[in-house]
Amino acid sequence: MDVTGTLRLQNTSLDGDLEANTGVRLDVPMGYTLSDFFAFEFSPGVIYNSLSTANGAGVSIGIDGYLLQVPLLVNMIWSFNTEAVRFGKSKIRPYFGGGIGANFSYASIDNIFFTGPSLSLDSNTWSLGYQAMLGLDYDLDENTSFGIRYQFTGTSNQNFSNGDNSVSTGGLLSQNISLRYIHRF
């Protein structure tokens, strides 16, 4: 995950990048197919990343904490769902889409190793969320599919603060590759 912004610690600031380790994402999309080509879905999810360092102006600061995001997005999906486009009688269905909605984020930073004593921050915020996606689904039967999906998820600017400590971001960006199981009712 890539976060660019300002880390403010008791009247000292560092402009740069906040680095997060590879994390986990779980989405539970629910949707409705309007036609062979078009569907809507509401996609609540959870993204978890542990934080490692803040870098800027030639300085690297160690961070011990995590970032939890809950994207609540409405997606529009366009699929290539006719036999002509689906490579004859192939069961493979390519698609692409995008979405917009809200994103709840919670930052818990236990230790910020800076000059002086270590500092902490626990804060949450809401922001605009958006995503783009593309993927391939394989139809096992009329109601069941498995697939793979690439998602690029982002947020608008965010500000986490408590007291003298704050982290202001230029937005959170996350890239994910996920495996999917789809059951149609």
Protein backbone atom coordinates (compact mmCIF):
# COMPACT_ATOMS: atom_id res chain seq x y z
CA MET A 1 0.00 0.00 0.00
CA ASP A 2 1.26 3.49 -0.79
CA VAL A 3 0.39 6.50 1.35
CA THR A 4 1.79 9.98 0.73
CA GLY A 5 1.24 12.74 3.24
CA THR A 6 2.46 14.49 6.37
CA LEU A 7 3.29 12.90 9.70
CA ARG A 8 3.05 15.48 12.55
CA LEU A 9 4.50 14.56 15.92
CA GLN A 10 4.32 17.14 18.72
CA ASN A 11 4.89 20.16 16.45
CA THR A 12 7.46 18.37 14.24
CA SER A 13 6.41 17.36 10.74
CA LEU A 14 7.76 14.99 8.09
CA ASP A 15 6.41 15.16 4.52
CA GLY A 16 6.88 11.88 2.70
CA ASP A 17 5.62 8.34 2.29
CA LEU A 18 4.16 5.98 4.86
CA GLU A 19 5.04 2.37 4.05
CA ALA A 20 2.79 -0.56 4.87
CA ASN A 21 3.53 -4.27 4.67
CA THR A 22 1.57 -6.64 2.44
CA GLY A 23 -1.81 -7.18 4.03
CA VAL A 24 -5.07 -9.06 3.72
CA ARG A 25 -8.37 -8.15 2.07
CA LEU A 26 -11.80 -9.75 2.36
CA ASP A 27 -14.82 -8.55 0.35
CA VAL A 28 -18.39 -9.84 0.48
CA PRO A 29 -20.04 -8.39 -2.65
CA MET A 30 -23.78 -8.75 -3.20
CA GLY A 31 -25.26 -7.76 -6.52
CA TYR A 32 -27.87 -7.91 -9.20
CA THR A 33 -27.35 -8.75 -12.88
CA LEU A 34 -29.40 -6.44 -15.10
CA SER A 35 -28.45 -8.02 -18.44
CA ASP A 36 -25.88 -10.35 -20.01
CA PHE A 37 -23.44 -7.43 -20.04
CA PHE A 38 -24.19 -5.27 -17.00
CA ALA A 39 -24.46 -5.77 -13.23
CA PHE A 40 -24.44 -3.73 -10.01
CA GLU A 41 -22.92 -4.84 -6.73
CA PHE A 42 -22.61 -3.48 -3.22
CA SER A 43 -19.19 -4.53 -1.99
CA PRO A 44 -18.41 -4.12 1.72
CA GLY A 45 -14.95 -5.28 2.68
CA VAL A 46 -12.04 -5.14 5.10
CA ILE A 47 -8.39 -4.34 4.28
CA TYR A 48 -5.67 -4.81 6.93
CA ASN A 49 -2.02 -3.72 6.66
CA SER A 50 0.69 -3.47 9.29
CA LEU A 51 2.75 -0.27 9.12
CA SER A 52 6.55 -0.25 8.94
CA THR A 53 8.20 3.14 8.24
CA ALA A 54 7.69 6.77 7.29
CA ASN A 55 10.21 8.18 4.81
CA GLY A 56 10.84 11.77 3.76
CA ALA A 57 13.55 14.41 3.46
CA GLY A 58 16.23 11.73 3.74
CA VAL A 59 14.86 10.55 7.10
CA SER A 60 13.34 7.16 7.87
CA ILE A 61 11.20 6.74 11.01
CA GLY A 62 10.24 3.31 12.34
CA ILE A 63 6.55 2.75 13.02
CA ASP A 64 4.85 -0.08 14.90
CA GLY A 65 1.13 -0.21 14.18
CA TYR A 66 -1.57 -1.08 11.67
CA LEU A 67 -4.13 0.43 9.32
CA LEU A 68 -7.61 -1.05 8.97
CA GLN A 69 -9.90 0.06 6.13
CA VAL A 70 -13.57 -0.76 5.54
CA PRO A 71 -14.54 0.18 1.97
CA LEU A 72 -18.31 0.40 1.36
CA LEU A 73 -18.52 0.68 -2.43
CA VAL A 74 -21.19 0.39 -5.12
CA ASN A 75 -19.69 -1.10 -8.29
CA MET A 76 -20.83 -1.25 -11.89
CA ILE A 77 -19.54 -4.29 -13.78
CA TRP A 78 -19.49 -4.82 -17.53
CA SER A 79 -18.95 -8.41 -18.62
CA PHE A 80 -18.47 -10.01 -22.00
CA ASN A 81 -21.19 -12.56 -21.55
CA THR A 82 -22.41 -13.68 -24.98
CA GLU A 83 -21.17 -16.77 -26.79
CA ALA A 84 -19.73 -14.65 -29.62
CA VAL A 85 -17.56 -12.62 -27.27
CA ARG A 86 -16.90 -15.49 -24.87
CA PHE A 87 -14.72 -17.42 -27.32
CA GLY A 88 -17.47 -19.68 -28.67
CA LYS A 89 -18.84 -22.03 -26.03
CA SER A 90 -16.13 -21.16 -23.53
CA LYS A 91 -17.07 -20.88 -19.87
CA ILE A 92 -14.58 -18.06 -19.31
CA ARG A 93 -16.16 -14.64 -18.71
CA PRO A 94 -13.90 -11.55 -18.74
CA TYR A 95 -15.17 -8.35 -17.09
CA PHE A 96 -14.16 -4.89 -15.92
CA GLY A 97 -15.77 -2.34 -13.64
CA GLY A 98 -15.50 0.51 -11.22
CA GLY A 99 -17.12 1.80 -8.10
CA ILE A 100 -17.51 4.66 -5.68
CA GLY A 101 -18.64 5.00 -2.09
CA ALA A 102 -17.36 5.60 1.41
CA ASN A 103 -14.24 4.34 3.17
CA PHE A 104 -13.84 4.06 6.94
CA SER A 105 -10.19 3.92 8.07
CA TYR A 106 -8.73 3.25 11.51
CA ALA A 107 -5.04 3.84 12.25
CA SER A 108 -3.44 2.41 15.37
CA ILE A 109 0.19 3.36 15.77
CA ASP A 110 1.67 1.98 18.98
CA ASN A 111 5.18 3.39 18.64
CA ILE A 112 6.66 6.08 16.43
CA PHE A 113 10.41 5.96 16.92
CA PHE A 114 11.42 9.61 16.53
CA THR A 115 13.74 11.91 18.47
CA GLY A 116 12.70 11.79 22.10
CA PRO A 117 10.19 9.35 23.59
CA SER A 118 8.16 7.03 21.39
CA LEU A 119 4.70 8.38 20.59
CA SER A 120 1.38 6.76 19.71
CA LEU A 121 -1.75 7.52 17.70
CA ASP A 122 -5.21 5.88 17.63
CA SER A 123 -7.71 7.56 15.32
CA ASN A 124 -10.33 6.92 12.66
CA THR A 125 -11.79 8.86 9.75
CA TRP A 126 -14.28 8.60 6.88
CA SER A 127 -13.42 9.51 3.28
CA LEU A 128 -14.49 9.07 -0.32
CA GLY A 129 -13.57 5.63 -1.66
CA TYR A 130 -13.24 4.46 -5.27
CA GLN A 131 -11.98 1.45 -7.16
CA ALA A 132 -11.34 -0.03 -10.59
CA MET A 133 -11.29 -3.75 -11.31
CA LEU A 134 -10.86 -6.35 -13.99
CA GLY A 135 -11.04 -10.10 -13.89
CA LEU A 136 -11.90 -13.48 -15.32
CA ASP A 137 -14.61 -15.81 -14.05
CA TYR A 138 -14.96 -19.48 -14.97
CA ASP A 139 -18.55 -20.78 -14.99
CA LEU A 140 -18.82 -24.22 -13.39
CA ASP A 141 -22.56 -24.30 -14.02
CA GLU A 142 -25.42 -21.82 -14.46
CA ASN A 143 -25.26 -20.66 -10.81
CA THR A 144 -21.63 -21.16 -9.72
CA SER A 145 -18.36 -19.57 -10.84
CA PHE A 146 -14.78 -19.22 -9.67
CA GLY A 147 -12.56 -16.36 -10.69
CA ILE A 148 -9.61 -14.08 -10.23
CA ARG A 149 -9.86 -10.29 -9.85
CA TYR A 150 -7.42 -7.39 -9.79
CA GLN A 151 -8.64 -4.36 -7.78
CA PHE A 152 -7.14 -0.89 -7.46
CA THR A 153 -8.76 0.89 -4.49
CA GLY A 154 -8.16 4.48 -3.39
CA THR A 155 -9.45 7.13 -1.03
CA SER A 156 -9.54 10.90 -0.85
CA ASN A 157 -7.34 12.79 1.64
CA GLN A 158 -7.53 11.57 5.23
CA ASN A 159 -6.55 13.04 8.60
CA PHE A 160 -5.88 10.87 11.64
CA SER A 161 -5.22 12.79 14.84
CA ASN A 162 -5.35 12.66 18.61
CA GLY A 163 -3.86 15.49 20.62
CA ASP A 164 -0.53 16.74 19.27
CA ASN A 165 0.03 13.76 16.95
CA SER A 166 -1.51 13.43 13.50
CA VAL A 167 -1.09 11.75 10.15
CA SER A 168 -2.55 13.58 7.14
CA THR A 169 -2.56 11.62 3.90
CA GLY A 170 -2.97 12.45 0.27
CA GLY A 171 -5.17 9.35 0.17
CA LEU A 172 -4.64 5.62 0.57
CA LEU A 173 -3.94 3.45 -2.47
CA SER A 174 -4.24 -0.33 -2.44
CA GLN A 175 -3.71 -2.94 -5.17
CA ASN A 176 -5.12 -6.41 -4.65
CA ILE A 177 -5.36 -9.70 -6.49
CA SER A 178 -8.12 -11.91 -5.15
CA LEU A 179 -9.69 -15.27 -5.80
CA ARG A 180 -13.48 -15.30 -6.08
CA TYR A 181 -16.33 -17.70 -5.52
CA ILE A 182 -19.66 -16.60 -7.02
CA HIS A 183 -23.04 -18.19 -6.38
CA ARG A 184 -26.10 -16.84 -8.19
CA PHE A 185 -29.56 -17.27 -6.67
